[in-house]
Amino acid sequence: MTIVLSFMFFAKPFTFQYVWSGLLVVLGIFLNVYSKNMDKIRLPSVYDLINKAMEVRKSRTLAQTV
Protein backbone atom coordinates (compact mmCIF):
# COMPACT_ATOMS: atom_id res chain seq x y z
CA MET A 1 0.00 0.00 0.00
CA THR A 2 2.81 2.40 0.80
CA ILE A 3 4.38 1.81 -2.60
CA VAL A 4 1.11 2.72 -4.34
CA LEU A 5 0.82 5.86 -2.20
CA SER A 6 4.41 6.71 -3.06
CA PHE A 7 3.57 6.66 -6.77
CA MET A 8 0.49 8.80 -6.17
CA PHE A 9 2.21 11.52 -4.16
CA PHE A 10 5.69 11.67 -5.69
CA ALA A 11 6.49 11.97 -9.37
CA LYS A 12 8.44 8.91 -10.52
CA PRO A 13 8.92 7.35 -13.93
CA PHE A 14 6.93 4.11 -13.94
CA THR A 15 8.71 1.12 -15.46
CA PHE A 16 7.77 -2.53 -15.73
CA GLN A 17 10.58 -3.36 -13.31
CA TYR A 18 8.21 -2.19 -10.57
CA VAL A 19 5.61 -4.68 -11.82
CA TRP A 20 8.11 -7.56 -11.86
CA SER A 21 9.36 -6.73 -8.39
CA GLY A 22 5.80 -6.46 -7.09
CA LEU A 23 4.97 -9.86 -8.56
CA LEU A 24 8.05 -11.34 -6.91
CA VAL A 25 6.98 -9.94 -3.54
CA VAL A 26 3.45 -11.34 -3.95
CA LEU A 27 4.86 -14.72 -5.03
CA GLY A 28 7.13 -14.75 -1.98
CA ILE A 29 4.22 -14.00 0.36
CA PHE A 30 2.11 -16.71 -1.30
CA LEU A 31 4.88 -19.31 -1.02
CA ASN A 32 5.41 -18.42 2.63
CA VAL A 33 1.70 -18.80 3.45
CA TYR A 34 1.44 -21.94 1.33
CA SER A 35 4.41 -23.60 3.04
CA LYS A 36 2.90 -22.92 6.46
CA ASN A 37 -0.53 -24.27 5.44
CA MET A 38 0.38 -27.12 3.09
CA ASP A 39 -2.02 -29.52 4.80
CA LYS A 40 -4.96 -27.08 4.46
CA ILE A 41 -4.28 -25.79 0.92
CA ARG A 42 -4.08 -28.32 -1.92
CA LEU A 43 -2.98 -27.00 -5.29
CA PRO A 44 -3.82 -29.10 -8.34
CA SER A 45 -0.98 -31.05 -9.89
CA VAL A 46 0.19 -30.46 -13.44
CA TYR A 47 -1.39 -33.79 -14.42
CA ASP A 48 -4.79 -32.63 -13.06
CA LEU A 49 -4.53 -29.34 -14.95
CA ILE A 50 -3.71 -31.12 -18.23
CA ASN A 51 -6.63 -33.54 -17.79
CA LYS A 52 -9.00 -30.67 -17.07
CA ALA A 53 -7.81 -28.78 -20.15
CA MET A 54 -8.30 -31.88 -22.30
CA GLU A 55 -11.85 -32.34 -20.97
CA VAL A 56 -12.71 -28.73 -21.79
CA ARG A 57 -11.22 -29.12 -25.26
CA LYS A 58 -13.23 -32.31 -25.90
CA SER A 59 -16.49 -30.77 -24.71
CA ARG A 60 -15.95 -27.71 -26.90
CA THR A 61 -15.33 -29.77 -30.02
CA LEU A 62 -18.45 -31.85 -29.40
CA ALA A 63 -20.55 -28.75 -28.82
CA GLN A 64 -19.26 -27.16 -32.02
CA THR A 65 -20.13 -30.16 -34.19
CA VAL A 66 -23.74 -30.34 -32.96
C-alpha atoms as a PDB file:
ATOM      1  CA  MET A   1       0.000   0.000   0.000  1.00  0.00           C
ATOM      2  CA  THR A   2       2.807   2.398   0.804  1.00  0.00           C
ATOM      3  CA  ILE A   3       4.376   1.811  -2.601  1.00  0.00           C
ATOM      4  CA  VAL A   4       1.110   2.722  -4.340  1.00  0.00           C
ATOM      5  CA  LEU A   5       0.822   5.860  -2.203  1.00  0.00           C
ATOM      6  CA  SER A   6       4.408   6.710  -3.057  1.00  0.00           C
ATOM      7  CA  PHE A   7       3.568   6.663  -6.773  1.00  0.00           C
ATOM      8  CA  MET A   8       0.494   8.800  -6.171  1.00  0.00           C
ATOM      9  CA  PHE A   9       2.210  11.525  -4.156  1.00  0.00           C
ATOM     10  CA  PHE A  10       5.694  11.672  -5.688  1.00  0.00           C
ATOM     11  CA  ALA A  11       6.491  11.966  -9.372  1.00  0.00           C
ATOM     12  CA  LYS A  12       8.443   8.913 -10.525  1.00  0.00           C
ATOM     13  CA  PRO A  13       8.921   7.353 -13.933  1.00  0.00           C
ATOM     14  CA  PHE A  14       6.927   4.106 -13.936  1.00  0.00           C
ATOM     15  CA  THR A  15       8.713   1.121 -15.460  1.00  0.00           C
ATOM     16  CA  PHE A  16       7.775  -2.530 -15.726  1.00  0.00           C
ATOM     17  CA  GLN A  17      10.576  -3.356 -13.312  1.00  0.00           C
ATOM     18  CA  TYR A  18       8.212  -2.189 -10.569  1.00  0.00           C
ATOM     19  CA  VAL A  19       5.611  -4.679 -11.822  1.00  0.00           C
ATOM     20  CA  TRP A  20       8.110  -7.560 -11.860  1.00  0.00           C
ATOM     21  CA  SER A  21       9.358  -6.733  -8.386  1.00  0.00           C
ATOM     22  CA  GLY A  22       5.799  -6.464  -7.087  1.00  0.00           C
ATOM     23  CA  LEU A  23       4.967  -9.859  -8.560  1.00  0.00           C
ATOM     24  CA  LEU A  24       8.054 -11.342  -6.913  1.00  0.00           C
ATOM     25  CA  VAL A  25       6.982  -9.942  -3.544  1.00  0.00           C
ATOM     26  CA  VAL A  26       3.449 -11.341  -3.954  1.00  0.00           C
ATOM     27  CA  LEU A  27       4.860 -14.719  -5.026  1.00  0.00           C
ATOM     28  CA  GLY A  28       7.131 -14.754  -1.980  1.00  0.00           C
ATOM     29  CA  ILE A  29       4.221 -13.998   0.360  1.00  0.00           C
ATOM     30  CA  PHE A  30       2.111 -16.707  -1.303  1.00  0.00           C
ATOM     31  CA  LEU A  31       4.878 -19.305  -1.024  1.00  0.00           C
ATOM     32  CA  ASN A  32       5.407 -18.418   2.633  1.00  0.00           C
ATOM     33  CA  VAL A  33       1.704 -18.801   3.455  1.00  0.00           C
ATOM     34  CA  TYR A  34       1.437 -21.943   1.333  1.00  0.00           C
ATOM     35  CA  SER A  35       4.407 -23.595   3.037  1.00  0.00           C
ATOM     36  CA  LYS A  36       2.903 -22.922   6.458  1.00  0.00           C
ATOM     37  CA  ASN A  37      -0.534 -24.266   5.441  1.00  0.00           C
ATOM     38  CA  MET A  38       0.377 -27.117   3.086  1.00  0.00           C
ATOM     39  CA  ASP A  39      -2.017 -29.519   4.800  1.00  0.00           C
ATOM     40  CA  LYS A  40      -4.957 -27.078   4.459  1.00  0.00           C
ATOM     41  CA  ILE A  41      -4.284 -25.795   0.917  1.00  0.00           C
ATOM     42  CA  ARG A  42      -4.076 -28.317  -1.918  1.00  0.00           C
ATOM     43  CA  LEU A  43      -2.976 -27.002  -5.288  1.00  0.00           C
ATOM     44  CA  PRO A  44      -3.819 -29.103  -8.344  1.00  0.00           C
ATOM     45  CA  SER A  45      -0.981 -31.049  -9.893  1.00  0.00           C
ATOM     46  CA  VAL A  46       0.194 -30.458 -13.441  1.00  0.00           C
ATOM     47  CA  TYR A  47      -1.385 -33.794 -14.416  1.00  0.00           C
ATOM     48  CA  ASP A  48      -4.791 -32.634 -13.062  1.00  0.00           C
ATOM     49  CA  LEU A  49      -4.531 -29.340 -14.948  1.00  0.00           C
ATOM     50  CA  ILE A  50      -3.712 -31.117 -18.230  1.00  0.00           C
ATOM     51  CA  ASN A  51      -6.628 -33.537 -17.790  1.00  0.00           C
ATOM     52  CA  LYS A  52      -9.000 -30.671 -17.068  1.00  0.00           C
ATOM     53  CA  ALA A  53      -7.813 -28.783 -20.149  1.00  0.00           C
ATOM     54  CA  MET A  54      -8.301 -31.883 -22.299  1.00  0.00           C
ATOM     55  CA  GLU A  55     -11.854 -32.343 -20.973  1.00  0.00           C
ATOM     56  CA  VAL A  56     -12.707 -28.731 -21.793  1.00  0.00           C
ATOM     57  CA  ARG A  57     -11.222 -29.120 -25.260  1.00  0.00           C
ATOM     58  CA  LYS A  58     -13.233 -32.314 -25.897  1.00  0.00           C
ATOM     59  CA  SER A  59     -16.490 -30.772 -24.706  1.00  0.00           C
ATOM     60  CA  ARG A  60     -15.951 -27.712 -26.902  1.00  0.00           C
ATOM     61  CA  THR A  61     -15.327 -29.771 -30.024  1.00  0.00           C
ATOM     62  CA  LEU A  62     -18.448 -31.847 -29.398  1.00  0.00           C
ATOM     63  CA  ALA A  63     -20.547 -28.746 -28.818  1.00  0.00           C
ATOM     64  CA  GLN A  64     -19.264 -27.157 -32.022  1.00  0.00           C
ATOM     65  CA  THR A  65     -20.128 -30.155 -34.192  1.00  0.00           C
ATOM     66  CA  VAL A  66     -23.737 -30.339 -32.963  1.00  0.00           C
END
